[in-house]
Full PDB file with SEQRES, HELIX, SHEET, SSBOND, CRYST1, ORIGX, SCALE, CONECT and MASTER records, all heavy atoms in Angstrom:
SEQRES   1 A   38  ASN ARG VAL TYR LEU GLN MET ASN SER LEU LYS PRO GLU          
SEQRES   2 A   38  ASP THR ALA VAL TYR TYR CYS ALA ALA GLU THR ASP ARG          
SEQRES   3 A   38  PRO LEU TYR SER GLY SER ARG TYR THR ASP GLN TYR              
HELIX    1 AA1 PRO A   12  ASP A   14  5                                   3    
HELIX    2 AA2 THR A   35  GLN A   37  5                                   3    
CRYST1    1.000    1.000    1.000  90.00  90.00  90.00 P 1           1          
ORIGX1      1.000000  0.000000  0.000000        0.00000                         
ORIGX2      0.000000  1.000000  0.000000        0.00000                         
ORIGX3      0.000000  0.000000  1.000000        0.00000                         
SCALE1      1.000000  0.000000  0.000000        0.00000                         
SCALE2      0.000000  1.000000  0.000000        0.00000                         
SCALE3      0.000000  0.000000  1.000000        0.00000                         
ATOM      1  N   ASN A   1     -74.895 -16.217   5.423  1.00  0.00           N  
ATOM      2  CA  ASN A   1     -75.644 -15.949   4.186  1.00  0.00           C  
ATOM      3  C   ASN A   1     -74.802 -15.170   3.180  1.00  0.00           C  
ATOM      4  O   ASN A   1     -75.313 -14.282   2.482  1.00  0.00           O  
ATOM      5  CB  ASN A   1     -76.935 -15.161   4.486  1.00  0.00           C  
ATOM      6  CG  ASN A   1     -77.984 -16.009   5.160  1.00  0.00           C  
ATOM      7  OD1 ASN A   1     -77.752 -17.171   5.483  1.00  0.00           O  
ATOM      8  ND2 ASN A   1     -79.139 -15.434   5.390  1.00  0.00           N  
ATOM      9  N   ARG A   2     -73.534 -15.519   3.103  1.00  0.00           N  
ATOM     10  CA  ARG A   2     -72.639 -14.773   2.225  1.00  0.00           C  
ATOM     11  C   ARG A   2     -71.872 -15.702   1.289  1.00  0.00           C  
ATOM     12  O   ARG A   2     -71.508 -16.812   1.653  1.00  0.00           O  
ATOM     13  CB  ARG A   2     -71.648 -13.951   3.037  1.00  0.00           C  
ATOM     14  CG  ARG A   2     -72.241 -12.697   3.656  1.00  0.00           C  
ATOM     15  CD  ARG A   2     -71.169 -11.845   4.304  1.00  0.00           C  
ATOM     16  NE  ARG A   2     -71.715 -10.592   4.823  1.00  0.00           N  
ATOM     17  CZ  ARG A   2     -71.793  -9.479   4.123  1.00  0.00           C  
ATOM     18  NH1 ARG A   2     -71.352  -9.456   2.877  1.00  0.00           N  
ATOM     19  NH2 ARG A   2     -72.300  -8.390   4.667  1.00  0.00           N  
ATOM     20  N   VAL A   3     -71.611 -15.192   0.121  1.00  0.00           N  
ATOM     21  CA  VAL A   3     -70.740 -15.863  -0.837  1.00  0.00           C  
ATOM     22  C   VAL A   3     -69.663 -14.865  -1.241  1.00  0.00           C  
ATOM     23  O   VAL A   3     -69.926 -13.658  -1.328  1.00  0.00           O  
ATOM     24  CB  VAL A   3     -71.536 -16.394  -2.048  1.00  0.00           C  
ATOM     25  CG1 VAL A   3     -72.258 -15.291  -2.791  1.00  0.00           C  
ATOM     26  CG2 VAL A   3     -70.652 -17.202  -2.972  1.00  0.00           C  
ATOM     27  N   TYR A   4     -68.448 -15.388  -1.448  1.00  0.00           N  
ATOM     28  CA  TYR A   4     -67.297 -14.532  -1.698  1.00  0.00           C  
ATOM     29  C   TYR A   4     -66.606 -14.926  -3.004  1.00  0.00           C  
ATOM     30  O   TYR A   4     -66.618 -16.097  -3.405  1.00  0.00           O  
ATOM     31  CB  TYR A   4     -66.281 -14.659  -0.563  1.00  0.00           C  
ATOM     32  CG  TYR A   4     -66.855 -14.380   0.803  1.00  0.00           C  
ATOM     33  CD1 TYR A   4     -67.268 -15.429   1.629  1.00  0.00           C  
ATOM     34  CD2 TYR A   4     -66.974 -13.075   1.280  1.00  0.00           C  
ATOM     35  CE1 TYR A   4     -67.785 -15.184   2.885  1.00  0.00           C  
ATOM     36  CE2 TYR A   4     -67.493 -12.827   2.535  1.00  0.00           C  
ATOM     37  CZ  TYR A   4     -67.897 -13.880   3.335  1.00  0.00           C  
ATOM     38  OH  TYR A   4     -68.410 -13.631   4.579  1.00  0.00           O  
ATOM     39  N   LEU A   5     -65.973 -13.940  -3.605  1.00  0.00           N  
ATOM     40  CA  LEU A   5     -65.105 -14.201  -4.748  1.00  0.00           C  
ATOM     41  C   LEU A   5     -63.793 -13.485  -4.476  1.00  0.00           C  
ATOM     42  O   LEU A   5     -63.717 -12.254  -4.544  1.00  0.00           O  
ATOM     43  CB  LEU A   5     -65.729 -13.709  -6.048  1.00  0.00           C  
ATOM     44  CG  LEU A   5     -64.948 -14.054  -7.316  1.00  0.00           C  
ATOM     45  CD1 LEU A   5     -64.973 -15.570  -7.555  1.00  0.00           C  
ATOM     46  CD2 LEU A   5     -65.524 -13.317  -8.529  1.00  0.00           C  
ATOM     47  N   GLN A   6     -62.782 -14.251  -4.111  1.00  0.00           N  
ATOM     48  CA  GLN A   6     -61.437 -13.714  -3.890  1.00  0.00           C  
ATOM     49  C   GLN A   6     -60.729 -13.694  -5.229  1.00  0.00           C  
ATOM     50  O   GLN A   6     -60.590 -14.741  -5.877  1.00  0.00           O  
ATOM     51  CB  GLN A   6     -60.673 -14.584  -2.893  1.00  0.00           C  
ATOM     52  CG  GLN A   6     -59.235 -14.154  -2.671  1.00  0.00           C  
ATOM     53  CD  GLN A   6     -59.126 -12.805  -1.981  1.00  0.00           C  
ATOM     54  OE1 GLN A   6     -59.845 -12.521  -1.031  1.00  0.00           O  
ATOM     55  NE2 GLN A   6     -58.217 -11.965  -2.461  1.00  0.00           N  
ATOM     56  N   MET A   7     -60.285 -12.517  -5.628  1.00  0.00           N  
ATOM     57  CA  MET A   7     -59.652 -12.358  -6.934  1.00  0.00           C  
ATOM     58  C   MET A   7     -58.206 -11.931  -6.753  1.00  0.00           C  
ATOM     59  O   MET A   7     -57.938 -10.854  -6.200  1.00  0.00           O  
ATOM     60  CB  MET A   7     -60.425 -11.311  -7.753  1.00  0.00           C  
ATOM     61  CG  MET A   7     -61.893 -11.649  -7.928  1.00  0.00           C  
ATOM     62  SD  MET A   7     -62.801 -10.452  -8.899  1.00  0.00           S  
ATOM     63  CE  MET A   7     -62.870  -9.091  -7.749  1.00  0.00           C  
ATOM     64  N   ASN A   8     -57.283 -12.759  -7.182  1.00  0.00           N  
ATOM     65  CA  ASN A   8     -55.852 -12.482  -7.087  1.00  0.00           C  
ATOM     66  C   ASN A   8     -55.257 -12.346  -8.488  1.00  0.00           C  
ATOM     67  O   ASN A   8     -55.862 -12.757  -9.480  1.00  0.00           O  
ATOM     68  CB  ASN A   8     -55.157 -13.613  -6.336  1.00  0.00           C  
ATOM     69  CG  ASN A   8     -55.648 -13.763  -4.919  1.00  0.00           C  
ATOM     70  OD1 ASN A   8     -56.051 -12.786  -4.272  1.00  0.00           O  
ATOM     71  ND2 ASN A   8     -55.620 -14.987  -4.414  1.00  0.00           N  
ATOM     72  N   SER A   9     -54.072 -11.783  -8.544  1.00  0.00           N  
ATOM     73  CA  SER A   9     -53.366 -11.604  -9.823  1.00  0.00           C  
ATOM     74  C   SER A   9     -54.285 -10.984 -10.871  1.00  0.00           C  
ATOM     75  O   SER A   9     -54.380 -11.458 -12.008  1.00  0.00           O  
ATOM     76  CB  SER A   9     -52.824 -12.950 -10.325  1.00  0.00           C  
ATOM     77  OG  SER A   9     -51.960 -13.528  -9.368  1.00  0.00           O  
ATOM     78  N   LEU A  10     -54.943  -9.920 -10.485  1.00  0.00           N  
ATOM     79  CA  LEU A  10     -55.927  -9.309 -11.371  1.00  0.00           C  
ATOM     80  C   LEU A  10     -55.277  -8.705 -12.609  1.00  0.00           C  
ATOM     81  O   LEU A  10     -54.150  -8.195 -12.567  1.00  0.00           O  
ATOM     82  CB  LEU A  10     -56.718  -8.245 -10.615  1.00  0.00           C  
ATOM     83  CG  LEU A  10     -57.801  -8.814  -9.693  1.00  0.00           C  
ATOM     84  CD1 LEU A  10     -58.221  -7.804  -8.646  1.00  0.00           C  
ATOM     85  CD2 LEU A  10     -59.005  -9.247 -10.526  1.00  0.00           C  
ATOM     86  N   LYS A  11     -56.015  -8.771 -13.706  1.00  0.00           N  
ATOM     87  CA  LYS A  11     -55.561  -8.265 -14.989  1.00  0.00           C  
ATOM     88  C   LYS A  11     -56.549  -7.192 -15.474  1.00  0.00           C  
ATOM     89  O   LYS A  11     -57.725  -7.214 -15.091  1.00  0.00           O  
ATOM     90  CB  LYS A  11     -55.531  -9.399 -16.016  1.00  0.00           C  
ATOM     91  CG  LYS A  11     -54.700 -10.601 -15.600  1.00  0.00           C  
ATOM     92  CD  LYS A  11     -54.837 -11.727 -16.609  1.00  0.00           C  
ATOM     93  CE  LYS A  11     -54.045 -12.958 -16.184  1.00  0.00           C  
ATOM     94  NZ  LYS A  11     -54.183 -14.070 -17.162  1.00  0.00           N  
ATOM     95  N   PRO A  12     -56.099  -6.290 -16.325  1.00  0.00           N  
ATOM     96  CA  PRO A  12     -57.030  -5.281 -16.853  1.00  0.00           C  
ATOM     97  C   PRO A  12     -58.260  -5.905 -17.519  1.00  0.00           C  
ATOM     98  O   PRO A  12     -59.357  -5.324 -17.444  1.00  0.00           O  
ATOM     99  CB  PRO A  12     -56.161  -4.532 -17.866  1.00  0.00           C  
ATOM    100  CG  PRO A  12     -54.776  -4.650 -17.318  1.00  0.00           C  
ATOM    101  CD  PRO A  12     -54.714  -6.037 -16.726  1.00  0.00           C  
ATOM    102  N   GLU A  13     -58.105  -7.055 -18.112  1.00  0.00           N  
ATOM    103  CA  GLU A  13     -59.248  -7.712 -18.772  1.00  0.00           C  
ATOM    104  C   GLU A  13     -60.264  -8.285 -17.780  1.00  0.00           C  
ATOM    105  O   GLU A  13     -61.328  -8.751 -18.181  1.00  0.00           O  
ATOM    106  CB  GLU A  13     -58.784  -8.815 -19.732  1.00  0.00           C  
ATOM    107  CG  GLU A  13     -57.813  -9.797 -19.136  1.00  0.00           C  
ATOM    108  CD  GLU A  13     -56.366  -9.465 -19.459  1.00  0.00           C  
ATOM    109  OE1 GLU A  13     -55.987  -8.270 -19.351  1.00  0.00           O  
ATOM    110  OE2 GLU A  13     -55.608 -10.402 -19.785  1.00  0.00           O  
ATOM    111  N   ASP A  14     -59.952  -8.231 -16.488  1.00  0.00           N  
ATOM    112  CA  ASP A  14     -60.921  -8.625 -15.469  1.00  0.00           C  
ATOM    113  C   ASP A  14     -61.883  -7.481 -15.141  1.00  0.00           C  
ATOM    114  O   ASP A  14     -62.833  -7.669 -14.381  1.00  0.00           O  
ATOM    115  CB  ASP A  14     -60.215  -9.065 -14.181  1.00  0.00           C  
ATOM    116  CG  ASP A  14     -59.401 -10.332 -14.364  1.00  0.00           C  
ATOM    117  OD1 ASP A  14     -59.886 -11.266 -15.030  1.00  0.00           O  
ATOM    118  OD2 ASP A  14     -58.275 -10.383 -13.821  1.00  0.00           O  
ATOM    119  N   THR A  15     -61.635  -6.309 -15.679  1.00  0.00           N  
ATOM    120  CA  THR A  15     -62.493  -5.156 -15.439  1.00  0.00           C  
ATOM    121  C   THR A  15     -63.900  -5.422 -15.946  1.00  0.00           C  
ATOM    122  O   THR A  15     -64.103  -5.792 -17.100  1.00  0.00           O  
ATOM    123  CB  THR A  15     -61.922  -3.908 -16.140  1.00  0.00           C  
ATOM    124  OG1 THR A  15     -60.671  -3.571 -15.532  1.00  0.00           O  
ATOM    125  CG2 THR A  15     -62.878  -2.726 -16.015  1.00  0.00           C  
ATOM    126  N   ALA A  16     -64.877  -5.273 -15.046  1.00  0.00           N  
ATOM    127  CA  ALA A  16     -66.264  -5.558 -15.393  1.00  0.00           C  
ATOM    128  C   ALA A  16     -67.144  -5.260 -14.183  1.00  0.00           C  
ATOM    129  O   ALA A  16     -66.642  -5.037 -13.078  1.00  0.00           O  
ATOM    130  CB  ALA A  16     -66.431  -7.021 -15.806  1.00  0.00           C  
ATOM    131  N   VAL A  17     -68.440  -5.310 -14.411  1.00  0.00           N  
ATOM    132  CA  VAL A  17     -69.390  -5.353 -13.300  1.00  0.00           C  
ATOM    133  C   VAL A  17     -69.580  -6.825 -12.939  1.00  0.00           C  
ATOM    134  O   VAL A  17     -69.854  -7.645 -13.815  1.00  0.00           O  
ATOM    135  CB  VAL A  17     -70.734  -4.712 -13.689  1.00  0.00           C  
ATOM    136  CG1 VAL A  17     -71.731  -4.841 -12.534  1.00  0.00           C  
ATOM    137  CG2 VAL A  17     -70.531  -3.244 -14.059  1.00  0.00           C  
ATOM    138  N   TYR A  18     -69.415  -7.126 -11.665  1.00  0.00           N  
ATOM    139  CA  TYR A  18     -69.518  -8.498 -11.189  1.00  0.00           C  
ATOM    140  C   TYR A  18     -70.878  -8.703 -10.522  1.00  0.00           C  
ATOM    141  O   TYR A  18     -71.271  -7.924  -9.650  1.00  0.00           O  
ATOM    142  CB  TYR A  18     -68.381  -8.809 -10.217  1.00  0.00           C  
ATOM    143  CG  TYR A  18     -67.092  -9.072 -10.938  1.00  0.00           C  
ATOM    144  CD1 TYR A  18     -66.400  -8.030 -11.558  1.00  0.00           C  
ATOM    145  CD2 TYR A  18     -66.567 -10.361 -11.040  1.00  0.00           C  
ATOM    146  CE1 TYR A  18     -65.227  -8.269 -12.256  1.00  0.00           C  
ATOM    147  CE2 TYR A  18     -65.390 -10.607 -11.732  1.00  0.00           C  
ATOM    148  CZ  TYR A  18     -64.730  -9.554 -12.339  1.00  0.00           C  
ATOM    149  OH  TYR A  18     -63.560  -9.795 -13.033  1.00  0.00           O  
ATOM    150  N   TYR A  19     -71.545  -9.772 -10.936  1.00  0.00           N  
ATOM    151  CA  TYR A  19     -72.884 -10.083 -10.455  1.00  0.00           C  
ATOM    152  C   TYR A  19     -72.900 -11.409  -9.713  1.00  0.00           C  
ATOM    153  O   TYR A  19     -72.302 -12.393 -10.157  1.00  0.00           O  
ATOM    154  CB  TYR A  19     -73.870 -10.176 -11.620  1.00  0.00           C  
ATOM    155  CG  TYR A  19     -74.059  -8.904 -12.384  1.00  0.00           C  
ATOM    156  CD1 TYR A  19     -73.276  -8.615 -13.494  1.00  0.00           C  
ATOM    157  CD2 TYR A  19     -75.039  -7.985 -12.004  1.00  0.00           C  
ATOM    158  CE1 TYR A  19     -73.456  -7.444 -14.216  1.00  0.00           C  
ATOM    159  CE2 TYR A  19     -75.218  -6.811 -12.710  1.00  0.00           C  
ATOM    160  CZ  TYR A  19     -74.417  -6.549 -13.813  1.00  0.00           C  
ATOM    161  OH  TYR A  19     -74.593  -5.380 -14.518  1.00  0.00           O  
ATOM    162  N   CYS A  20     -73.663 -11.436  -8.637  1.00  0.00           N  
ATOM    163  CA  CYS A  20     -73.946 -12.649  -7.895  1.00  0.00           C  
ATOM    164  C   CYS A  20     -75.316 -13.158  -8.356  1.00  0.00           C  
ATOM    165  O   CYS A  20     -76.213 -12.347  -8.628  1.00  0.00           O  
ATOM    166  CB  CYS A  20     -73.957 -12.305  -6.407  1.00  0.00           C  
ATOM    167  SG  CYS A  20     -74.443 -13.619  -5.309  1.00  0.00           S  
ATOM    168  N   ALA A  21     -75.455 -14.479  -8.440  1.00  0.00           N  
ATOM    169  CA  ALA A  21     -76.724 -15.055  -8.893  1.00  0.00           C  
ATOM    170  C   ALA A  21     -77.033 -16.321  -8.111  1.00  0.00           C  
ATOM    171  O   ALA A  21     -76.119 -16.996  -7.621  1.00  0.00           O  
ATOM    172  CB  ALA A  21     -76.657 -15.357 -10.383  1.00  0.00           C  
ATOM    173  N   ALA A  22     -78.317 -16.630  -7.995  1.00  0.00           N  
ATOM    174  CA  ALA A  22     -78.775 -17.822  -7.278  1.00  0.00           C  
ATOM    175  C   ALA A  22     -79.423 -18.800  -8.252  1.00  0.00           C  
ATOM    176  O   ALA A  22     -80.227 -18.395  -9.096  1.00  0.00           O  
ATOM    177  CB  ALA A  22     -79.770 -17.428  -6.191  1.00  0.00           C  
ATOM    178  N   GLU A  23     -79.074 -20.059  -8.097  1.00  0.00           N  
ATOM    179  CA  GLU A  23     -79.603 -21.131  -8.951  1.00  0.00           C  
ATOM    180  C   GLU A  23     -80.311 -22.121  -8.045  1.00  0.00           C  
ATOM    181  O   GLU A  23     -79.676 -22.852  -7.287  1.00  0.00           O  
ATOM    182  CB  GLU A  23     -78.454 -21.785  -9.708  1.00  0.00           C  
ATOM    183  CG  GLU A  23     -78.864 -22.547 -10.951  1.00  0.00           C  
ATOM    184  CD  GLU A  23     -79.122 -24.018 -10.675  1.00  0.00           C  
ATOM    185  OE1 GLU A  23     -78.248 -24.665 -10.069  1.00  0.00           O  
ATOM    186  OE2 GLU A  23     -80.184 -24.514 -11.058  1.00  0.00           O  
ATOM    187  N   THR A  24     -81.645 -22.137  -8.090  1.00  0.00           N  
ATOM    188  CA  THR A  24     -82.428 -22.883  -7.117  1.00  0.00           C  
ATOM    189  C   THR A  24     -82.824 -24.295  -7.559  1.00  0.00           C  
ATOM    190  O   THR A  24     -83.228 -25.091  -6.720  1.00  0.00           O  
ATOM    191  CB  THR A  24     -83.700 -22.102  -6.761  1.00  0.00           C  
ATOM    192  OG1 THR A  24     -84.485 -21.914  -7.948  1.00  0.00           O  
ATOM    193  CG2 THR A  24     -83.367 -20.747  -6.161  1.00  0.00           C  
ATOM    194  N   ASP A  25     -82.717 -24.613  -8.829  1.00  0.00           N  
ATOM    195  CA  ASP A  25     -83.207 -25.903  -9.309  1.00  0.00           C  
ATOM    196  C   ASP A  25     -82.313 -27.075  -8.923  1.00  0.00           C  
ATOM    197  O   ASP A  25     -82.796 -28.180  -8.671  1.00  0.00           O  
ATOM    198  CB  ASP A  25     -83.357 -25.869 -10.833  1.00  0.00           C  
ATOM    199  CG  ASP A  25     -84.586 -25.089 -11.261  1.00  0.00           C  
ATOM    200  OD1 ASP A  25     -85.431 -24.797 -10.368  1.00  0.00           O  
ATOM    201  OD2 ASP A  25     -84.716 -24.780 -12.455  1.00  0.00           O  
ATOM    202  N   ARG A  26     -80.987 -26.828  -8.903  1.00  0.00           N  
ATOM    203  CA  ARG A  26     -80.054 -27.927  -8.639  1.00  0.00           C  
ATOM    204  C   ARG A  26     -79.036 -27.479  -7.595  1.00  0.00           C  
ATOM    205  O   ARG A  26     -77.886 -27.166  -7.917  1.00  0.00           O  
ATOM    206  CB  ARG A  26     -79.353 -28.343  -9.935  1.00  0.00           C  
ATOM    207  CG  ARG A  26     -80.294 -28.895 -10.984  1.00  0.00           C  
ATOM    208  CD  ARG A  26     -79.537 -29.245 -12.259  1.00  0.00           C  
ATOM    209  NE  ARG A  26     -78.964 -28.080 -12.896  1.00  0.00           N  
ATOM    210  CZ  ARG A  26     -78.208 -28.118 -13.994  1.00  0.00           C  
ATOM    211  NH1 ARG A  26     -77.935 -29.299 -14.556  1.00  0.00           N  
ATOM    212  NH2 ARG A  26     -77.736 -27.027 -14.510  1.00  0.00           N  
ATOM    213  N   PRO A  27     -79.434 -27.436  -6.336  1.00  0.00           N  
ATOM    214  CA  PRO A  27     -78.567 -26.877  -5.288  1.00  0.00           C  
ATOM    215  C   PRO A  27     -77.258 -27.621  -5.080  1.00  0.00           C  
ATOM    216  O   PRO A  27     -76.271 -27.016  -4.656  1.00  0.00           O  
ATOM    217  CB  PRO A  27     -79.444 -26.945  -4.043  1.00  0.00           C  
ATOM    218  CG  PRO A  27     -80.463 -27.993  -4.335  1.00  0.00           C  
ATOM    219  CD  PRO A  27     -80.730 -27.879  -5.805  1.00  0.00           C  
ATOM    220  N   LEU A  28     -77.246 -28.930  -5.376  1.00  0.00           N  
ATOM    221  CA  LEU A  28     -76.020 -29.704  -5.135  1.00  0.00           C  
ATOM    222  C   LEU A  28     -75.033 -29.599  -6.290  1.00  0.00           C  
ATOM    223  O   LEU A  28     -73.910 -30.076  -6.194  1.00  0.00           O  
ATOM    224  CB  LEU A  28     -76.383 -31.169  -4.900  1.00  0.00           C  
ATOM    225  CG  LEU A  28     -77.227 -31.453  -3.657  1.00  0.00           C  
ATOM    226  CD1 LEU A  28     -77.591 -32.925  -3.599  1.00  0.00           C  
ATOM    227  CD2 LEU A  28     -76.495 -31.017  -2.393  1.00  0.00           C  
ATOM    228  N   TYR A  29     -75.439 -28.960  -7.368  1.00  0.00           N  
ATOM    229  CA  TYR A  29     -74.630 -28.876  -8.578  1.00  0.00           C  
ATOM    230  C   TYR A  29     -73.890 -27.558  -8.620  1.00  0.00           C  
ATOM    231  O   TYR A  29     -74.443 -26.504  -8.293  1.00  0.00           O  
ATOM    232  CB  TYR A  29     -75.565 -29.003  -9.779  1.00  0.00           C  
ATOM    233  CG  TYR A  29     -74.876 -29.052 -11.124  1.00  0.00           C  
ATOM    234  CD1 TYR A  29     -73.945 -30.029 -11.423  1.00  0.00           C  
ATOM    235  CD2 TYR A  29     -75.195 -28.115 -12.105  1.00  0.00           C  
ATOM    236  CE1 TYR A  29     -73.334 -30.070 -12.667  1.00  0.00           C  
ATOM    237  CE2 TYR A  29     -74.597 -28.153 -13.343  1.00  0.00           C  
ATOM    238  CZ  TYR A  29     -73.663 -29.141 -13.621  1.00  0.00           C  
ATOM    239  OH  TYR A  29     -73.070 -29.179 -14.859  1.00  0.00           O  
ATOM    240  N   SER A  30     -72.622 -27.589  -9.017  1.00  0.00           N  
ATOM    241  CA  SER A  30     -71.841 -26.356  -9.070  1.00  0.00           C  
ATOM    242  C   SER A  30     -71.460 -25.972 -10.484  1.00  0.00           C  
ATOM    243  O   SER A  30     -70.674 -25.067 -10.686  1.00  0.00           O  
ATOM    244  CB  SER A  30     -70.568 -26.513  -8.244  1.00  0.00           C  
ATOM    245  OG  SER A  30     -69.737 -27.514  -8.822  1.00  0.00           O  
ATOM    246  N   GLY A  31     -72.002 -26.676 -11.495  1.00  0.00           N  
ATOM    247  CA  GLY A  31     -71.536 -26.441 -12.848  1.00  0.00           C  
ATOM    248  C   GLY A  31     -72.431 -25.603 -13.725  1.00  0.00           C  
ATOM    249  O   GLY A  31     -72.277 -25.603 -14.948  1.00  0.00           O  
ATOM    250  N   SER A  32     -73.377 -24.883 -13.141  1.00  0.00           N  
ATOM    251  CA  SER A  32     -74.268 -24.055 -13.960  1.00  0.00           C  
ATOM    252  C   SER A  32     -73.517 -22.833 -14.443  1.00  0.00           C  
ATOM    253  O   SER A  32     -73.113 -21.995 -13.640  1.00  0.00           O  
ATOM    254  CB  SER A  32     -75.489 -23.648 -13.139  1.00  0.00           C  
ATOM    255  OG  SER A  32     -76.228 -24.784 -12.758  1.00  0.00           O  
ATOM    256  N   ARG A  33     -73.324 -22.719 -15.750  1.00  0.00           N  
ATOM    257  CA  ARG A  33     -72.500 -21.652 -16.312  1.00  0.00           C  
ATOM    258  C   ARG A  33     -73.245 -20.742 -17.272  1.00  0.00           C  
ATOM    259  O   ARG A  33     -72.623 -19.872 -17.899  1.00  0.00           O  
ATOM    260  CB  ARG A  33     -71.288 -22.263 -17.019  1.00  0.00           C  
ATOM    261  CG  ARG A  33     -71.634 -23.296 -18.060  1.00  0.00           C  
ATOM    262  CD  ARG A  33     -70.404 -23.925 -18.653  1.00  0.00           C  
ATOM    263  NE  ARG A  33     -69.557 -22.957 -19.338  1.00  0.00           N  
ATOM    264  CZ  ARG A  33     -68.503 -23.260 -20.065  1.00  0.00           C  
ATOM    265  NH1 ARG A  33     -68.158 -24.522 -20.194  1.00  0.00           N  
ATOM    266  NH2 ARG A  33     -67.788 -22.343 -20.647  1.00  0.00           N  
ATOM    267  N   TYR A  34     -74.536 -20.926 -17.398  1.00  0.00           N  
ATOM    268  CA  TYR A  34     -75.314 -20.099 -18.313  1.00  0.00           C  
ATOM    269  C   TYR A  34     -76.276 -19.212 -17.542  1.00  0.00           C  
ATOM    270  O   TYR A  34     -76.873 -19.621 -16.546  1.00  0.00           O  
ATOM    271  CB  TYR A  34     -76.071 -20.979 -19.312  1.00  0.00           C  
ATOM    272  CG  TYR A  34     -75.150 -21.842 -20.140  1.00  0.00           C  
ATOM    273  CD1 TYR A  34     -75.011 -23.198 -19.881  1.00  0.00           C  
ATOM    274  CD2 TYR A  34     -74.385 -21.276 -21.155  1.00  0.00           C  
ATOM    275  CE1 TYR A  34     -74.146 -23.978 -20.622  1.00  0.00           C  
ATOM    276  CE2 TYR A  34     -73.516 -22.055 -21.905  1.00  0.00           C  
ATOM    277  CZ  TYR A  34     -73.395 -23.396 -21.635  1.00  0.00           C  
ATOM    278  OH  TYR A  34     -72.531 -24.165 -22.366  1.00  0.00           O  
ATOM    279  N   THR A  35     -76.443 -17.988 -18.019  1.00  0.00           N  
ATOM    280  CA  THR A  35     -77.257 -17.028 -17.281  1.00  0.00           C  
ATOM    281  C   THR A  35     -78.694 -17.503 -17.107  1.00  0.00           C  
ATOM    282  O   THR A  35     -79.303 -17.242 -16.066  1.00  0.00           O  
ATOM    283  CB  THR A  35     -77.257 -15.661 -17.991  1.00  0.00           C  
ATOM    284  OG1 THR A  35     -77.715 -15.822 -19.338  1.00  0.00           O  
ATOM    285  CG2 THR A  35     -75.859 -15.048 -18.007  1.00  0.00           C  
ATOM    286  N   ASP A  36     -79.231 -18.226 -18.079  1.00  0.00           N  
ATOM    287  CA  ASP A  36     -80.631 -18.626 -17.964  1.00  0.00           C  
ATOM    288  C   ASP A  36     -80.839 -19.779 -16.982  1.00  0.00           C  
ATOM    289  O   ASP A  36     -81.978 -20.193 -16.734  1.00  0.00           O  
ATOM    290  CB  ASP A  36     -81.233 -18.966 -19.328  1.00  0.00           C  
ATOM    291  CG  ASP A  36     -80.520 -20.099 -20.039  1.00  0.00           C  
ATOM    292  OD1 ASP A  36     -79.584 -20.685 -19.455  1.00  0.00           O  
ATOM    293  OD2 ASP A  36     -80.883 -20.400 -21.185  1.00  0.00           O  
ATOM    294  N   GLN A  37     -79.759 -20.287 -16.404  1.00  0.00           N  
ATOM    295  CA  GLN A  37     -79.892 -21.305 -15.369  1.00  0.00           C  
ATOM    296  C   GLN A  37     -80.099 -20.685 -13.984  1.00  0.00           C  
ATOM    297  O   GLN A  37     -80.391 -21.395 -13.031  1.00  0.00           O  
ATOM    298  CB  GLN A  37     -78.642 -22.193 -15.344  1.00  0.00           C  
ATOM    299  CG  GLN A  37     -78.486 -23.058 -16.595  1.00  0.00           C  
ATOM    300  CD  GLN A  37     -77.191 -23.832 -16.605  1.00  0.00           C  
ATOM    301  OE1 GLN A  37     -76.107 -23.249 -16.600  1.00  0.00           O  
ATOM    302  NE2 GLN A  37     -77.290 -25.158 -16.620  1.00  0.00           N  
ATOM    303  N   TYR A  38     -79.931 -19.391 -13.893  1.00  0.00           N  
ATOM    304  CA  TYR A  38     -80.013 -18.686 -12.621  1.00  0.00           C  
ATOM    305  C   TYR A  38     -81.320 -17.919 -12.519  1.00  0.00           C  
ATOM    306  O   TYR A  38     -81.774 -17.313 -13.490  1.00  0.00           O  
ATOM    307  CB  TYR A  38     -78.804 -17.764 -12.446  1.00  0.00           C  
ATOM    308  CG  TYR A  38     -77.537 -18.549 -12.221  1.00  0.00           C  
ATOM    309  CD1 TYR A  38     -76.826 -19.080 -13.299  1.00  0.00           C  
ATOM    310  CD2 TYR A  38     -77.070 -18.788 -10.935  1.00  0.00           C  
ATOM    311  CE1 TYR A  38     -75.680 -19.833 -13.098  1.00  0.00           C  
ATOM    312  CE2 TYR A  38     -75.921 -19.532 -10.719  1.00  0.00           C  
ATOM    313  CZ  TYR A  38     -75.234 -20.055 -11.800  1.00  0.00           C  
ATOM    314  OH  TYR A  38     -74.106 -20.803 -11.596  1.00  0.00           O  
TER     315      TYR A  38                                                      
MASTER        0    0    0    2    0    0    0    6  314    1    0    3          
END                                                                             
């Protein structure tokens, strides 16, 4: 029940709070890029 984000070659502009989100409407789709889709 885990999802991971491996981050390499990090840059100062990567500084942020990182959030995990679940998108239940289209489970087979990986292209949801808008916050209101989650």
